[in-house]
Structures are given as C-alpha cells and as structure tokens.
Amino acid sequence: MSEKKGRPLLDLYITHWTEPWEIGDTGLEMIRRQRCVDWSQVRITIVHDGSEPYVQGYFDDHYPCEIRQACIPHGGIARARNWCIDHSEAEWIKWNDFDDTFCSLYALRSILDSLKAAQEYDLLWFDVYAEVDGMRYAKTERDPVVLHGKVFRRSFIQEKGLRFKEDLTWCEDSAFLAVLEMEIDVQRIGKIVTDAPIYAWICRDGSLCNRPEIKFANLKSFFERHCYVQEEFKRRGKINEYHAMTARVLADSYFTLKLAGVTEDMSEHEQAVRKYYQEHRKELLRLTNGLFMQVLDAVNRENQCNITKEAFTEWLRSLRD
C-alpha cells in the first residue's frame, strides 16, 4: 500500500497530564534507543492534556527523530485521544501511556514491519507485559478491553465514527474497544508476532487503577461505561447485544452493591440502579437462559466471585419495589 510523500505510516501518541517528568523518562529513553527504524515512517507526538510541555529544544540533540508536542486545554484522557484521532494523518494510530514503555529495542521496527504488510487488517495487536509491584507478567492473549498493545487503522476508526466517551472518567478505553469489537470483522484483526512482549503497562502506586480510596468511584464508572456501550449497541442496530448488556449492567451492579466491600454510602447509586432496572427490565425477558448464564459467568470470572442465578434473581425482584 503506497504512502503519500511526507505522510508517516504510524502516528504514535503519548498522552500526558500531571505525571512528573521523571515518570515518562523510561518510555522516552526507550524510544530514543530504538534500533533499525525508518524514522520517516513514524511520527511521535506528546499530547499535554492541560499540562506544561517539555522545554523547547529538550529532544533536539539526542533523539533520532522529531518529538512533537501538542498542548491542549485539560479535558481528560478521552478528549485527548479524540484530539489524536482528529489530527492524525498517518495510516495507523497507536497510543502509549506516559508512564508505560517499550521493553524491546526493536519494538518499533516490529510494529512498522508488520504495518507495511497489513493491507488486510484494521487492527493489529501484540503481547505485552503487565508490571505490578515491580513484577512483570506476560499477557499473551488479545485483551478486548484495554488499549495497550494495539495499533489501529485510522480510516477504520474514522469511517465507523469511533470516539472515546469524553464524560467517562474511567473505562473510557474499554468502552471505545467494546464498540470497536462490535464493528470490526474478526478476519481483519491480526497479530504482530514477536519472541517476547515488546510493551510494558506499568501499574504505579499513583496510577488511577491502583488507588484504594477511589474504589467505589471506579466501580460506579463501570455502570456508566456499560450504559454508554449499551446505548451505542442500540444506536448501531446491534439489538441482541443491546439486550445482553442489560444483564451485564445489572450483574456488575449486584457485585458493586453486594459483594465489593465498599464502605461509602451507596444509597444514591442504588437508586440509580433501581431506576435503570425498572426502565430496562423488559430487555431481560428477551434473553435466553444460556445467554443470561454466559453473562453471569463472565462477571463471576472477572470479579472472582460466585453470584448464583438464584441470588441474582431474588435481588432483581427486590428492585421492582
């Protein structure tokens, strides 16, 4: 597939908000050390979401490529990623978190080589490490709910009208990917094969997903995320998925309200769940027992719990009052 002169094959975006500069040093240093890369094929941009940029000239002398910086008003990670979609000119888009890093000196070469031969694909993925408490765990299966380890064809994202939901403060990436998974032909998903993972997702002590004090806020965000995805299913004519999502919203809500061990006052959220059930209870009646149990099994597996059909059904009855 030919490229227009001057247009890169890959736009690599690194989003930054309030993290200290040293948090990004590892990832930026690994970019500087990448080997055997045709730098005309990749454009790297740090998108500062309301934060201060690196001082002018910081990257000029010791980086093999231009590191662009874009300063936009603070609007959250979803808005920053939508800015990337709107401003990308490359054939492919990849997002790196500011505190993450490539963990192979040939990561970019592996990605670019695969993209050059990827005419039949709209999404490519690769193995990553998840680093928690200093320990790295290889993730060798395609995770459909996290953005790490994926490269997206820009034209596919734009033609399908895929956007990050800007009023989601959590799970904005999994909501984006849930809608993408609904739209993409599985035959157009490919894998970048490498000897070992080439990217490390770092879960720091300061990472949003690793703060116990906002556990309930995070769990509530699943409710908001699921409701958004459900409405996208309906808007895009995916009616079976729309109905199944009703069970998912309620099963996750059962976990939040009954099993998650939250100590905060949940009365307001419980009222929101009750209202949701009364507005969507008819969708549950359209589910087969098999699909209903698939949803319940998925929630049990992901949350490492044991919600029984009987207990869940009894709880649903209580929401009618």
Protein backbone atom coordinates (compact mmCIF):
# COMPACT_ATOMS: atom_id res chain seq x y z
CA MET A 1 0.00 0.00 0.00
CA SER A 2 1.62 3.22 -1.11
CA GLU A 3 2.04 6.15 1.24
CA LYS A 4 1.71 9.79 0.28
CA LYS A 5 5.02 11.59 0.33
CA GLY A 6 5.73 13.07 3.72
CA ARG A 7 2.91 11.20 5.43
CA PRO A 8 4.05 8.72 8.12
CA LEU A 9 2.85 5.16 8.33
CA LEU A 10 2.30 5.42 12.09
CA ASP A 11 1.23 8.20 14.43
CA LEU A 12 2.43 7.31 17.93
CA TYR A 13 0.72 9.44 20.58
CA ILE A 14 1.84 9.70 24.21
CA THR A 15 -0.74 11.36 26.44
CA HIS A 16 0.42 13.34 29.47
CA TRP A 17 -1.50 15.12 32.21
CA THR A 18 0.01 15.76 35.65
CA GLU A 19 2.57 12.96 35.93
CA PRO A 20 6.04 14.20 36.96
CA TRP A 21 8.52 14.36 34.07
CA GLU A 22 10.63 11.55 35.51
CA ILE A 23 7.66 9.16 35.19
CA GLY A 24 7.97 9.40 31.41
CA ASP A 25 11.75 9.18 31.26
CA THR A 26 11.89 5.39 30.85
CA GLY A 27 9.44 5.31 27.97
CA LEU A 28 11.01 8.24 26.16
CA GLU A 29 14.50 6.82 26.63
CA MET A 30 13.38 3.52 25.09
CA ILE A 31 12.02 5.42 22.10
CA ARG A 32 15.39 7.16 21.72
CA ARG A 33 17.20 3.79 21.80
CA GLN A 34 15.02 2.04 19.22
CA ARG A 35 17.09 0.32 16.54
CA CYS A 36 16.70 -0.30 12.82
CA VAL A 37 13.79 2.12 12.49
CA ASP A 38 12.96 4.13 9.39
CA TRP A 39 12.08 7.29 11.28
CA SER A 40 10.35 8.80 8.26
CA GLN A 41 7.63 6.20 8.79
CA VAL A 42 6.69 7.16 12.35
CA ARG A 43 5.62 10.46 13.88
CA ILE A 44 5.75 10.79 17.67
CA THR A 45 3.63 13.35 19.49
CA ILE A 46 3.32 14.00 23.23
CA VAL A 47 -0.16 15.36 23.87
CA HIS A 48 -0.19 17.51 27.01
CA ASP A 49 -3.71 17.49 28.45
CA GLY A 50 -3.56 20.86 30.19
CA SER A 51 -0.01 20.21 31.43
CA GLU A 52 3.22 22.06 30.77
CA PRO A 53 5.34 20.80 27.85
CA TYR A 54 8.98 19.87 27.95
CA VAL A 55 11.22 22.90 27.48
CA GLN A 56 11.90 23.88 23.89
CA GLY A 57 14.87 22.01 22.46
CA TYR A 58 14.76 19.22 25.06
CA PHE A 59 14.58 16.50 22.39
CA ASP A 60 16.58 18.17 19.62
CA ASP A 61 20.11 16.93 20.17
CA HIS A 62 19.89 13.32 21.32
CA TYR A 63 16.76 11.90 19.64
CA PRO A 64 16.90 10.30 16.17
CA CYS A 65 13.51 11.74 15.24
CA GLU A 66 11.38 14.79 15.90
CA ILE A 67 9.34 14.57 19.12
CA ARG A 68 6.38 16.85 18.59
CA GLN A 69 4.45 18.36 21.48
CA ALA A 70 0.80 19.40 21.40
CA CYS A 71 -0.66 21.43 24.27
CA ILE A 72 -4.45 21.26 24.55
CA PRO A 73 -6.81 22.51 27.27
CA HIS A 74 -7.38 19.95 30.03
CA GLY A 75 -10.41 17.85 29.19
CA GLY A 76 -9.45 14.35 30.30
CA ILE A 77 -7.81 11.38 28.63
CA ALA A 78 -10.80 10.62 26.39
CA ARG A 79 -10.82 14.12 24.92
CA ALA A 80 -7.05 13.99 24.44
CA ARG A 81 -7.33 10.73 22.50
CA ASN A 82 -10.15 12.15 20.38
CA TRP A 83 -7.83 15.05 19.59
CA CYS A 84 -5.36 12.46 18.30
CA ILE A 85 -7.99 10.88 16.06
CA ASP A 86 -8.94 14.28 14.67
CA HIS A 87 -5.36 15.37 14.00
CA SER A 88 -3.74 12.14 12.82
CA GLU A 89 -2.66 11.94 9.19
CA ALA A 90 -0.90 8.58 9.33
CA GLU A 91 -2.37 5.31 8.13
CA TRP A 92 -2.16 3.81 11.62
CA ILE A 93 -2.57 5.15 15.17
CA LYS A 94 -1.08 3.87 18.43
CA TRP A 95 -1.43 5.29 21.93
CA ASN A 96 1.23 4.90 24.63
CA ASP A 97 0.56 5.92 28.22
CA PHE A 98 3.08 8.41 29.60
CA ASP A 99 4.21 6.01 32.34
CA ASP A 100 4.46 2.94 30.10
CA THR A 101 7.39 1.86 27.94
CA PHE A 102 8.50 -0.28 25.07
CA CYS A 103 10.59 -3.11 26.50
CA SER A 104 12.40 -4.18 23.35
CA LEU A 105 14.94 -2.17 21.36
CA TYR A 106 13.25 -3.48 18.21
CA ALA A 107 9.64 -2.77 19.24
CA LEU A 108 9.02 -0.01 16.71
CA ARG A 109 10.76 -1.97 13.95
CA SER A 110 8.50 -4.96 14.66
CA ILE A 111 5.40 -2.75 14.58
CA LEU A 112 6.37 -0.88 11.41
CA ASP A 113 7.39 -4.03 9.53
CA SER A 114 4.02 -5.59 10.33
CA LEU A 115 2.08 -2.48 9.33
CA LYS A 116 3.73 -2.41 5.92
CA ALA A 117 2.29 -5.87 5.20
CA ALA A 118 -1.09 -5.35 6.88
CA GLN A 119 -3.34 -4.35 3.98
CA GLU A 120 -5.98 -6.87 5.04
CA TYR A 121 -6.17 -5.71 8.67
CA ASP A 122 -7.81 -2.87 10.58
CA LEU A 123 -6.39 -3.79 14.00
CA LEU A 124 -3.07 -5.34 14.96
CA TRP A 125 -2.17 -6.45 18.47
CA PHE A 126 0.90 -7.81 20.21
CA ASP A 127 1.93 -9.40 23.51
CA VAL A 128 2.56 -7.04 26.42
CA TYR A 129 3.82 -7.18 29.97
CA ALA A 130 1.70 -6.01 32.88
CA GLU A 131 4.00 -4.69 35.59
CA VAL A 132 2.51 -4.67 39.09
CA ASP A 133 4.58 -4.05 42.24
CA GLY A 134 7.76 -4.38 40.20
CA MET A 135 6.82 -7.81 38.84
CA ARG A 136 6.13 -8.33 35.14
CA TYR A 137 3.50 -10.75 33.88
CA ALA A 138 3.25 -11.62 30.21
CA LYS A 139 -0.18 -11.15 28.63
CA THR A 140 -0.22 -13.28 25.52
CA GLU A 141 -3.94 -13.20 24.69
CA ARG A 142 -5.72 -10.35 22.96
CA ASP A 143 -7.42 -8.36 25.68
CA PRO A 144 -10.56 -6.76 24.20
CA VAL A 145 -10.95 -4.14 26.95
CA VAL A 146 -7.58 -2.39 27.25
CA LEU A 147 -5.85 -0.12 24.77
CA HIS A 148 -2.30 -1.32 25.44
CA GLY A 149 -0.67 -3.46 22.78
CA LYS A 150 -2.89 -2.41 19.88
CA VAL A 151 -2.43 -0.45 16.66
CA PHE A 152 -5.48 0.88 14.79
CA ARG A 153 -6.08 1.74 11.15
CA ARG A 154 -7.05 5.41 11.21
CA SER A 155 -9.50 5.20 8.32
CA PHE A 156 -11.42 2.39 10.05
CA ILE A 157 -11.78 4.43 13.25
CA GLN A 158 -12.96 7.47 11.34
CA GLU A 159 -15.31 5.65 8.94
CA LYS A 160 -17.02 3.86 11.84
CA GLY A 161 -17.32 7.06 13.85
CA LEU A 162 -15.45 5.58 16.79
CA ARG A 163 -14.82 8.05 19.60
CA PHE A 164 -13.77 7.96 23.23
CA LYS A 165 -16.67 8.92 25.51
CA GLU A 166 -15.47 12.19 26.96
CA ASP A 167 -17.60 12.26 30.11
CA LEU A 168 -16.28 8.88 31.24
CA THR A 169 -13.52 9.36 33.81
CA TRP A 170 -12.75 5.64 33.94
CA CYS A 171 -13.02 2.76 31.45
CA GLU A 172 -13.05 5.15 28.50
CA ASP A 173 -10.65 2.82 26.68
CA SER A 174 -12.71 -0.32 27.29
CA ALA A 175 -15.88 1.50 26.18
CA PHE A 176 -14.13 2.54 22.96
CA LEU A 177 -12.93 -1.00 22.35
CA ALA A 178 -16.32 -2.55 23.13
CA VAL A 179 -17.88 -0.53 20.32
CA LEU A 180 -14.91 -1.27 18.04
CA GLU A 181 -15.26 -5.01 18.68
CA MET A 182 -18.89 -4.73 17.63
CA GLU A 183 -18.00 -3.06 14.34
CA ILE A 184 -14.85 -4.88 13.26
CA ASP A 185 -14.68 -8.01 11.12
CA VAL A 186 -12.69 -10.54 13.16
CA GLN A 187 -10.94 -11.58 9.95
CA ARG A 188 -9.41 -8.10 9.86
CA ILE A 189 -7.69 -8.48 13.23
CA GLY A 190 -4.07 -9.62 13.08
CA LYS A 191 -1.20 -10.22 15.45
CA ILE A 192 2.31 -8.78 15.46
CA VAL A 193 4.36 -11.85 16.36
CA THR A 194 7.47 -11.26 18.48
CA ASP A 195 9.72 -13.52 20.54
CA ALA A 196 8.72 -11.72 23.75
CA PRO A 197 6.34 -8.89 24.74
CA ILE A 198 7.50 -5.54 23.37
CA TYR A 199 5.46 -3.19 25.58
CA ALA A 200 5.07 -2.87 29.36
CA TRP A 201 1.94 -1.50 31.01
CA ILE A 202 3.10 -0.09 34.34
CA CYS A 203 0.69 -0.06 37.28
CA ARG A 204 2.29 2.52 39.60
CA ASP A 205 1.29 3.29 43.19
CA GLY A 206 -0.08 6.57 41.85
CA SER A 207 -1.97 5.03 38.95
CA LEU A 208 -5.67 5.72 38.95
CA CYS A 209 -6.46 1.99 38.85
CA ASN A 210 -4.31 1.41 41.93
CA ARG A 211 -5.86 3.83 44.44
CA PRO A 212 -7.99 2.08 47.09
CA GLU A 213 -9.55 5.35 48.22
CA ILE A 214 -11.49 5.71 44.96
CA LYS A 215 -12.57 2.08 44.66
CA PHE A 216 -16.29 2.93 44.77
CA ALA A 217 -15.89 5.71 42.21
CA ASN A 218 -14.20 3.22 39.91
CA LEU A 219 -16.92 0.64 40.38
CA LYS A 220 -19.62 3.22 39.67
CA SER A 221 -17.80 4.13 36.49
CA PHE A 222 -18.38 0.57 35.24
CA PHE A 223 -22.10 1.31 35.47
CA GLU A 224 -21.67 4.50 33.43
CA ARG A 225 -19.44 2.70 30.94
CA HIS A 226 -21.89 -0.18 30.46
CA CYS A 227 -24.85 2.18 29.99
CA TYR A 228 -22.95 4.09 27.30
CA VAL A 229 -21.93 0.90 25.47
CA GLN A 230 -25.49 -0.41 25.64
CA GLU A 231 -26.85 2.74 24.03
CA GLU A 232 -24.16 2.52 21.33
CA PHE A 233 -25.29 -1.05 20.61
CA LYS A 234 -28.85 0.19 20.17
CA ARG A 235 -27.82 3.19 18.05
CA ARG A 236 -25.79 0.95 15.76
CA GLY A 237 -28.58 -1.61 15.38
CA LYS A 238 -26.98 -4.40 17.44
CA ILE A 239 -30.18 -5.38 19.22
CA ASN A 240 -29.12 -8.76 20.64
CA GLU A 241 -26.04 -7.15 22.16
CA TYR A 242 -28.21 -4.33 23.48
CA HIS A 243 -30.42 -6.79 25.34
CA ALA A 244 -27.47 -8.81 26.68
CA MET A 245 -25.87 -5.65 28.02
CA THR A 246 -28.84 -5.19 30.33
CA ALA A 247 -27.86 -8.36 32.19
CA ARG A 248 -24.24 -7.20 32.28
CA VAL A 249 -25.13 -3.80 33.77
CA LEU A 250 -27.22 -5.41 36.49
CA ALA A 251 -24.84 -8.28 37.29
CA ASP A 252 -21.94 -5.85 37.74
CA SER A 253 -24.21 -3.65 39.85
CA TYR A 254 -25.02 -6.64 42.05
CA PHE A 255 -21.31 -7.15 42.62
CA THR A 256 -20.78 -3.46 43.44
CA LEU A 257 -23.69 -3.22 45.86
CA LYS A 258 -23.48 -6.65 47.49
CA LEU A 259 -20.00 -8.12 47.24
CA ALA A 260 -17.37 -5.45 46.62
CA GLY A 261 -16.91 -4.50 50.28
CA VAL A 262 -17.41 -0.80 49.67
CA THR A 263 -17.70 1.27 52.87
CA GLU A 264 -19.05 4.50 51.35
CA ASP A 265 -22.73 5.42 51.30
CA MET A 266 -24.16 3.75 48.19
CA SER A 267 -27.79 4.84 48.53
CA GLU A 268 -27.65 7.25 45.59
CA HIS A 269 -26.04 4.66 43.34
CA GLU A 270 -28.54 2.05 44.46
CA GLN A 271 -31.37 4.35 43.42
CA ALA A 272 -29.73 4.80 40.02
CA VAL A 273 -29.52 1.01 39.60
CA ARG A 274 -33.13 0.59 40.68
CA LYS A 275 -34.27 3.20 38.15
CA TYR A 276 -32.18 1.51 35.45
CA TYR A 277 -33.77 -1.87 36.18
CA GLN A 278 -37.31 -0.52 36.05
CA GLU A 279 -36.58 1.11 32.69
CA HIS A 280 -34.85 -1.94 31.17
CA ARG A 281 -36.43 -4.99 32.80
CA LYS A 282 -38.19 -5.93 29.55
CA GLU A 283 -34.81 -6.44 27.90
CA LEU A 284 -34.04 -9.23 30.38
CA LEU A 285 -37.13 -11.12 29.24
CA ARG A 286 -35.70 -11.27 25.72
CA LEU A 287 -32.57 -13.14 26.83
CA THR A 288 -32.28 -16.90 26.56
CA ASN A 289 -31.26 -18.70 29.73
CA GLY A 290 -27.99 -19.69 28.07
CA LEU A 291 -27.01 -16.12 27.23
CA PHE A 292 -28.10 -14.95 30.68
CA MET A 293 -25.79 -17.52 32.29
CA GLN A 294 -22.92 -16.58 29.96
CA VAL A 295 -23.14 -13.01 31.22
CA LEU A 296 -23.30 -14.13 34.85
CA ASP A 297 -20.33 -16.47 34.37
CA ALA A 298 -18.29 -13.65 32.82
CA VAL A 299 -18.98 -11.36 35.79
CA ASN A 300 -18.08 -14.13 38.25
CA ARG A 301 -14.85 -14.87 36.40
CA GLU A 302 -13.74 -11.26 36.09
CA ASN A 303 -14.56 -10.37 39.70
CA GLN A 304 -13.53 -13.73 41.18
CA CYS A 305 -16.89 -14.09 42.89
CA ASN A 306 -19.80 -16.54 42.88
CA ILE A 307 -23.08 -14.83 42.06
CA THR A 308 -25.69 -17.57 41.75
CA LYS A 309 -28.65 -17.29 39.44
CA GLU A 310 -30.99 -17.71 42.39
CA ALA A 311 -29.43 -14.92 44.47
CA PHE A 312 -29.25 -12.60 41.47
CA THR A 313 -32.88 -13.25 40.50
CA GLU A 314 -34.05 -12.63 44.07
CA TRP A 315 -32.16 -9.34 44.12
CA LEU A 316 -33.78 -8.31 40.81
CA ARG A 317 -37.19 -8.92 42.37
CA SER A 318 -36.29 -6.54 45.18
CA LEU A 319 -35.62 -3.80 42.63
CA ARG A 320 -39.25 -3.85 41.47
CA ASP A 321 -40.47 -2.25 44.70
